[in-house]
Protein backbone atom coordinates (compact mmCIF):
# COMPACT_ATOMS: atom_id res chain seq x y z
CA MET A 1 12.73 11.03 2.96
CA THR A 2 12.55 13.47 5.63
CA GLY A 3 14.31 13.81 8.71
CA THR A 4 11.62 12.88 10.61
CA ASP A 5 11.10 9.51 8.58
CA ARG A 6 14.59 8.57 9.02
CA ASN A 7 13.99 9.00 13.17
CA ILE A 8 14.76 5.46 14.21
CA ASP A 9 14.58 4.11 17.55
CA ARG A 10 16.71 1.19 16.93
CA ASN A 11 15.55 -0.77 20.23
CA ARG A 12 11.81 -0.21 18.96
CA HIS A 13 10.45 0.96 15.93
CA VAL A 14 10.62 3.93 13.55
CA GLN A 15 8.95 6.75 15.32
CA THR A 16 6.15 7.38 12.54
CA ARG A 17 3.09 8.21 14.45
CA GLN A 18 4.50 11.03 16.46
CA LEU A 19 3.78 13.27 13.20
CA GLY A 20 0.69 11.21 11.88
CA ARG A 21 2.62 9.29 9.64
CA VAL A 22 0.47 6.80 7.94
CA SER A 23 2.75 3.56 8.93
CA LEU A 24 2.89 -0.38 7.93
CA SER A 25 4.32 -3.42 9.61
CA ALA A 26 7.93 -3.82 8.59
CA ARG A 27 7.01 -7.70 8.06
CA VAL A 28 5.04 -6.48 4.87
CA LEU A 29 8.52 -6.38 3.20
CA GLU A 30 10.22 -9.56 4.11
CA PRO A 31 8.74 -11.21 1.29
CA LEU A 32 10.33 -8.40 -0.85
CA LEU A 33 13.76 -8.71 0.73
CA LEU A 34 14.01 -12.56 0.85
CA TYR A 35 13.20 -12.70 -2.99
CA LEU A 36 16.12 -10.04 -3.76
CA LYS A 37 18.62 -12.03 -1.63
CA ALA A 38 17.45 -15.21 -3.27
CA GLN A 39 18.30 -13.30 -6.71
CA GLY A 40 21.71 -12.66 -5.60
CA HIS A 41 21.32 -8.91 -4.12
CA ASP A 42 22.41 -7.78 -0.93
CA SER A 43 19.05 -6.66 1.03
CA SER A 44 20.84 -5.00 3.81
CA ALA A 45 22.64 -2.94 1.42
CA PHE A 46 19.44 -2.31 -0.83
CA LEU A 47 17.80 -0.71 2.16
CA LYS A 48 20.66 1.61 3.15
CA THR A 49 20.52 2.89 -0.52
CA GLN A 50 17.22 3.82 0.32
CA ASP A 51 17.61 5.19 3.71
CA VAL A 52 16.41 2.21 5.64
CA ASP A 53 18.21 0.76 8.51
CA PRO A 54 18.18 -2.91 8.39
CA ALA A 55 18.09 -3.23 11.86
CA ILE A 56 14.45 -2.33 11.94
CA PHE A 57 13.74 -5.92 10.80
CA ARG A 58 15.06 -7.30 14.05
CA ASP A 59 12.06 -6.28 15.75
CA PRO A 60 8.88 -8.03 14.97
CA GLU A 61 6.40 -5.11 15.79
CA ALA A 62 8.60 -2.61 14.07
CA ARG A 63 7.07 -0.20 11.63
CA LEU A 64 7.76 1.96 8.72
CA PRO A 65 6.19 4.91 7.03
CA HIS A 66 3.97 3.83 4.37
CA THR A 67 5.87 6.62 2.14
CA VAL A 68 9.41 4.90 2.71
CA ALA A 69 7.79 1.78 2.23
CA ALA A 70 6.02 2.30 -0.83
CA SER A 71 9.24 3.63 -2.25
CA LEU A 72 11.10 0.45 -2.12
CA TRP A 73 9.01 -1.53 -4.56
CA PRO A 74 9.97 0.94 -7.49
CA ALA A 75 13.33 1.02 -6.48
CA ALA A 76 13.50 -2.58 -6.60
CA VAL A 77 12.32 -2.89 -9.79
CA ARG A 78 15.06 -0.58 -11.37
CA LEU A 79 17.44 -2.75 -9.35
CA MET A 80 16.04 -6.23 -10.73
CA SER A 81 15.01 -4.41 -14.10
CA ASP A 82 12.12 -6.44 -13.58
CA MET A 83 8.50 -4.75 -14.20
CA ASP A 84 6.60 -8.13 -12.88
CA LEU A 85 8.15 -7.83 -9.82
CA GLY A 86 5.32 -7.91 -7.81
CA LEU A 87 3.95 -11.21 -9.26
CA HIS A 88 7.43 -13.08 -8.88
CA VAL A 89 7.74 -11.92 -5.40
CA ALA A 90 4.55 -13.32 -4.50
CA GLU A 91 5.28 -16.68 -6.04
CA GLY A 92 8.31 -17.08 -3.44
CA ILE A 93 6.15 -16.21 -0.40
CA GLN A 94 6.49 -18.79 2.43
CA PRO A 95 3.84 -19.94 4.86
CA GLY A 96 5.82 -17.95 7.50
CA ALA A 97 5.03 -14.62 6.24
CA TYR A 98 3.56 -11.90 8.54
CA CYS A 99 4.45 -14.13 11.64
CA ALA A 100 1.62 -14.50 14.17
CA LEU A 101 -1.14 -13.04 11.62
CA GLY A 102 -0.11 -15.26 8.68
CA TYR A 103 -0.34 -18.18 10.88
CA ALA A 104 -3.39 -17.21 12.32
CA LEU A 105 -4.68 -17.08 8.83
CA ARG A 106 -3.25 -20.45 7.84
CA ALA A 107 -4.93 -22.25 11.12
CA SER A 108 -8.29 -21.03 10.09
CA GLU A 109 -10.92 -23.83 9.40
CA THR A 110 -12.03 -22.31 5.79
CA PHE A 111 -11.01 -19.92 3.44
CA GLY A 112 -14.00 -17.92 4.11
CA MET A 113 -12.94 -17.87 7.73
CA SER A 114 -9.53 -16.86 7.09
CA LEU A 115 -10.49 -13.94 4.84
CA GLN A 116 -12.69 -12.70 7.59
CA ARG A 117 -9.86 -12.39 10.13
CA LEU A 118 -7.68 -11.10 7.49
CA CYS A 119 -10.39 -7.95 6.83
CA ARG A 120 -10.69 -7.74 10.77
CA TYR A 121 -7.07 -7.62 11.51
CA HIS A 122 -5.54 -5.98 8.48
CA ARG A 123 -4.39 -2.78 10.40
CA VAL A 124 -1.74 -4.95 12.13
CA LEU A 125 -0.16 -4.73 8.58
CA HIS A 126 -1.23 -1.41 7.27
CA ASP A 127 -2.84 1.63 9.37
CA ALA A 128 -4.61 2.92 6.00
CA ALA A 129 -5.23 0.20 4.06
CA GLU A 130 -8.61 -1.04 3.27
CA VAL A 131 -9.43 -4.80 2.57
CA GLN A 132 -12.90 -5.86 2.41
CA LEU A 133 -14.58 -9.22 1.57
CA THR A 134 -17.97 -8.84 -0.21
CA VAL A 135 -20.09 -11.39 -1.78
CA ARG A 136 -22.46 -10.30 -4.59
CA GLY A 137 -24.83 -13.49 -5.64
CA ASP A 138 -22.58 -16.26 -6.89
CA HIS A 139 -19.14 -14.33 -6.85
CA ALA A 140 -17.11 -13.50 -3.81
CA ILE A 141 -14.62 -10.30 -4.32
CA LEU A 142 -11.69 -9.68 -1.63
CA SER A 143 -10.39 -5.94 -2.42
CA HIS A 144 -7.58 -3.72 -1.44
CA ARG A 145 -7.73 -0.21 -1.46
CA LEU A 146 -4.88 2.53 -0.22
CA PRO A 147 -7.06 5.98 0.13
CA LEU A 148 -3.83 7.90 0.39
CA PRO A 149 -2.02 10.60 -2.61
CA GLY A 150 -0.08 8.42 -4.90
CA GLY A 151 -2.16 5.28 -4.21
CA VAL A 152 -0.76 1.60 -4.82
CA PRO A 153 2.43 1.34 -6.86
CA ARG A 154 1.92 -1.24 -9.46
CA ALA A 155 4.59 -3.56 -7.98
CA VAL A 156 2.37 -3.33 -4.63
CA SER A 157 -0.96 -3.97 -6.47
CA GLU A 158 0.37 -6.98 -8.08
CA TYR A 159 1.91 -8.34 -5.14
CA ILE A 160 -0.92 -8.38 -2.83
CA LEU A 161 -3.42 -9.92 -5.42
CA ALA A 162 -0.86 -12.62 -6.35
CA ALA A 163 -0.05 -13.37 -2.94
CA TRP A 164 -3.60 -13.80 -1.66
CA LEU A 165 -3.98 -16.17 -4.51
CA ILE A 166 -0.79 -18.16 -3.82
CA THR A 167 -1.18 -18.16 -0.07
CA SER A 168 -4.65 -19.46 -0.39
CA ARG A 169 -3.81 -22.36 -2.87
CA GLN A 170 -1.07 -23.24 -0.76
CA ALA A 171 -3.30 -23.60 2.45
CA THR A 172 -6.10 -25.56 0.59
CA GLY A 173 -3.78 -27.73 -1.61
CA LEU A 174 -6.18 -26.54 -4.50
CA HIS A 175 -4.58 -24.76 -7.59
CA TRP A 176 -8.17 -22.59 -8.21
CA ILE A 177 -8.64 -19.96 -10.92
CA PRO A 178 -10.25 -16.92 -9.94
CA ILE A 179 -12.83 -15.58 -12.34
CA GLU A 180 -11.67 -12.10 -12.79
CA VAL A 181 -8.84 -9.87 -11.31
CA ARG A 182 -8.79 -6.29 -11.28
CA PHE A 183 -5.95 -3.91 -11.00
CA PRO A 184 -5.63 0.28 -10.35
CA HIS A 185 -2.70 0.72 -12.42
CA SER A 186 -3.08 1.02 -16.53
CA ALA A 187 -2.58 -2.12 -18.58
CA PRO A 188 1.06 -3.17 -18.79
CA GLU A 189 2.59 -3.82 -22.43
CA ASP A 190 2.95 -7.51 -21.79
CA THR A 191 0.72 -9.30 -19.26
CA SER A 192 1.85 -12.59 -20.31
CA GLU A 193 3.21 -13.03 -16.68
CA HIS A 194 -0.44 -11.88 -15.31
CA ARG A 195 -2.03 -14.57 -17.53
CA ARG A 196 0.24 -17.44 -16.57
CA LEU A 197 -0.19 -16.85 -13.03
CA PHE A 198 -4.04 -15.96 -12.64
CA GLY A 199 -4.97 -17.58 -16.02
CA CYS A 200 -8.20 -15.37 -15.95
CA THR A 201 -9.78 -12.12 -17.06
CA LEU A 202 -7.53 -9.25 -16.23
CA ARG A 203 -8.78 -5.56 -16.14
CA PHE A 204 -6.78 -2.42 -15.12
CA GLY A 205 -7.54 1.12 -14.48
CA HIS A 206 -9.75 0.14 -11.63
CA ASP A 207 -10.41 2.12 -8.21
CA ARG A 208 -8.83 -0.94 -6.40
CA SER A 209 -7.17 -3.97 -6.45
CA GLU A 210 -9.71 -6.83 -6.63
CA LEU A 211 -9.58 -10.79 -6.54
CA ARG A 212 -13.18 -11.83 -7.88
CA PHE A 213 -13.98 -15.91 -7.41
CA SER A 214 -17.14 -18.13 -7.19
CA ARG A 215 -18.51 -17.89 -3.44
CA ASP A 216 -18.18 -21.77 -2.85
CA LEU A 217 -14.44 -21.30 -2.84
CA LEU A 218 -14.97 -19.37 0.55
CA ASP A 219 -15.99 -23.00 2.05
CA MET A 220 -12.80 -24.50 0.97
CA PRO A 221 -10.86 -26.28 4.12
CA PHE A 222 -7.47 -25.11 5.11
CA LEU A 223 -5.13 -28.34 5.31
CA SER A 224 -3.45 -26.86 8.35
CA ALA A 225 -6.69 -25.79 10.12
CA ASP A 226 -6.28 -26.29 13.84
CA PRO A 227 -9.06 -24.62 16.18
CA ASN A 228 -6.78 -24.64 19.50
CA LEU A 229 -3.89 -23.22 17.45
CA GLN A 230 -5.85 -20.77 16.08
CA ALA A 231 -7.31 -19.63 19.12
CA ILE A 232 -4.06 -18.85 20.34
CA LEU A 233 -2.54 -16.99 17.65
CA GLU A 234 -5.37 -14.89 17.47
CA ALA A 235 -4.83 -13.97 20.75
CA GLN A 236 -1.36 -12.71 20.04
CA VAL A 237 -2.77 -10.71 16.91
CA VAL A 238 -5.55 -9.21 19.17
CA ALA A 239 -2.66 -8.04 21.22
CA MET A 240 -0.58 -6.36 18.85
CA PHE A 241 -3.92 -4.90 17.45
CA GLN A 242 -4.47 -3.33 20.59
CA ARG A 243 -1.35 -1.82 21.01
CA LEU A 244 -1.44 -0.10 17.39
CA PRO A 245 -1.77 3.63 17.88
CA LYS A 246 -5.54 4.47 18.11
CA GLY A 247 -7.35 6.66 15.42
CA GLU A 248 -6.59 8.81 12.59
CA ALA A 249 -4.02 11.65 12.67
CA VAL A 250 -5.19 15.11 11.79
CA MET A 251 -2.59 14.97 8.75
CA ASP A 252 -3.89 11.83 7.21
CA GLY A 253 -7.02 12.84 7.41
CA VAL A 254 -6.45 16.15 5.45
CA ARG A 255 -4.38 13.92 3.19
CA ARG A 256 -7.19 11.81 2.52
CA LEU A 257 -9.67 14.72 1.65
CA LEU A 258 -7.34 16.60 -0.39
CA ALA A 259 -6.82 13.82 -2.40
CA ALA A 260 -10.55 13.51 -2.97
CA GLU A 261 -11.04 17.26 -3.73
CA LEU A 262 -8.33 18.64 -5.52
CA CYS A 263 -10.02 18.03 -9.20
CA ASP A 264 -12.59 20.68 -8.32
CA GLY A 265 -9.83 23.43 -7.52
CA GLU A 266 -7.58 24.31 -4.99
CA PRO A 267 -8.97 23.38 -1.48
CA THR A 268 -8.51 25.86 1.64
CA LEU A 269 -7.76 24.98 5.05
CA GLU A 270 -11.47 27.03 5.77
CA GLN A 271 -12.99 24.35 3.04
CA ILE A 272 -11.33 21.00 4.72
CA ALA A 273 -11.80 22.01 8.40
CA PRO A 274 -15.51 21.28 8.64
CA ARG A 275 -14.97 17.96 6.89
CA LEU A 276 -12.87 16.83 10.04
CA HIS A 277 -15.47 18.45 12.52
CA MET A 278 -13.33 21.44 13.67
CA SER A 279 -12.88 25.03 13.09
CA ALA A 280 -10.09 26.31 10.81
CA ARG A 281 -8.41 27.69 13.62
CA THR A 282 -8.16 24.41 15.26
CA LEU A 283 -7.19 22.62 12.06
CA HIS A 284 -4.27 25.01 12.13
CA ARG A 285 -3.21 24.19 15.52
CA ARG A 286 -3.30 20.36 15.02
CA LEU A 287 -1.28 20.37 12.27
CA GLU A 288 1.31 22.78 13.68
CA GLU A 289 1.44 20.35 16.92
CA GLU A 290 2.06 17.30 14.05
CA GLY A 291 4.67 19.20 12.91
CA THR A 292 3.28 20.60 9.79
CA SER A 293 0.88 23.11 7.95
CA PHE A 294 -2.17 22.92 5.63
CA ARG A 295 0.20 24.58 2.85
CA HIS A 296 3.14 21.85 3.15
CA VAL A 297 0.14 18.85 3.35
CA LEU A 298 -1.38 20.46 0.01
CA ALA A 299 2.16 20.48 -1.78
CA GLU A 300 3.21 17.02 -0.54
CA VAL A 301 -0.37 15.60 -1.92
CA ARG A 302 -0.06 17.32 -5.18
CA ARG A 303 3.78 16.19 -5.52
CA GLU A 304 2.64 12.45 -4.58
CA ILE A 305 -0.23 12.31 -7.22
CA ALA A 306 1.42 14.14 -9.90
CA ALA A 307 4.75 12.03 -9.50
CA ARG A 308 2.20 8.83 -9.89
CA HIS A 309 0.51 10.17 -13.00
CA LEU A 310 3.56 11.20 -14.52
CA SER A 311 5.00 7.56 -14.28
CA GLU A 312 1.84 5.94 -15.46
CA ARG A 313 1.91 8.06 -18.61
CA ARG A 314 -1.93 7.66 -19.19
CA LEU A 315 -2.66 11.31 -18.73
CA ALA A 316 -0.99 14.39 -20.55
CA ILE A 317 0.44 17.15 -18.27
CA GLY A 318 -2.18 19.60 -18.78
CA GLU A 319 -4.78 16.89 -17.52
CA ILE A 320 -2.67 16.31 -14.37
CA ALA A 321 -2.47 20.02 -13.87
CA PHE A 322 -6.46 20.24 -13.71
CA LEU A 323 -6.75 17.29 -11.77
CA LEU A 324 -4.43 18.88 -8.93
CA GLY A 325 -6.31 22.09 -8.97
CA PHE A 326 -3.96 24.45 -10.77
CA SER A 327 -5.51 27.05 -12.65
CA GLU A 328 -3.08 26.44 -15.56
CA PRO A 329 -0.25 24.01 -16.98
CA SER A 330 2.25 26.74 -16.30
CA ALA A 331 1.55 27.13 -12.70
CA PHE A 332 1.75 23.18 -12.36
CA HIS A 333 5.19 23.48 -14.39
CA ARG A 334 6.32 25.89 -12.07
CA ALA A 335 5.27 24.14 -8.93
CA PHE A 336 6.40 20.48 -9.94
CA LYS A 337 10.30 21.76 -10.45
CA ARG A 338 9.99 23.58 -7.33
CA TRP A 339 9.05 19.91 -5.70
CA THR A 340 11.50 18.09 -7.74
CA GLY A 341 13.76 20.02 -9.21
CA TYR A 342 12.72 18.80 -12.76
CA ALA A 343 10.02 19.94 -15.11
CA PRO A 344 7.08 17.72 -15.72
CA LEU A 345 7.96 16.11 -18.78
CA ALA A 346 12.01 15.85 -18.08
CA TYR A 347 10.29 13.84 -14.91
CA ARG A 348 8.30 11.45 -17.11
CA GLN A 349 11.11 10.95 -19.60
CA LEU A 350 13.00 9.87 -16.18
CA THR A 351 10.86 6.87 -15.05
CA PRO A 352 10.71 3.73 -16.36
CA ALA A 353 7.52 3.14 -18.60
């Protein structure tokens, strides 16, 4: 974690957006911390080992850099020696999770109305994550995608899909079963916990996380539906939404475009700038204003994507080098060792399967 990421204003929130970092609500991590505590672990001590100040969770509107928050899940998996941690955390989720937004969703009249509000206000939880509800024929699809280098860690994807299912079961009182669940990560060796929880077809290696179910379920009434209370709570959510920083930082836009174009070779600043509707000189200046450079962002994106592919073990090291736009594997080996201190193969051997 960089010195910037550790810059915590204890009376307010982590100062992430000043350098254009994608952030998410600290509330998103509370179910994980509560689960660790229930399993006998000191959540504050765990946060400190990851350079996160536990004091930040005292502020209901505190936000953390996405990269910091995403790293907590793999660290918790290692701590618990539980590859299915995301599923197990979701099973312990309580109605109070996510404060005003969570309560506003539960006070909705139906499951469908709740999901529409989730999609509309999801940025309160995460700056960049895309949550969409799509209806195709007799099916409804609730999807989550994170268009950032490194994507979604396995535990996070599994937590999100399981949490959607479990909270909707709690809110409706019905133990409904999806038609299909899709995950962006590769299939684990043991899927018994997935089958137990979801009870449906499982697919892996998809481009996003998806919960597919009958469209008729959108009309399921919520047990705690309360239009008057819902209106009050939604007003609070709207106020939170309006206080969020506006627009995408230049750094985030560059990261997003680099992640999509690396496989075509090493992108240049001159190639990326027109995609952001600015000149190369302006892009260079804007990145400097955000405390970084095109070269630094490119290295950061490559490192994050490389680390994910090496951990997942689905691709050969030569294939990873190609996907990252390196002209030859030896150049990737040198760069990765410079970024992490490890050769790619050594890094792969050090990460849990």
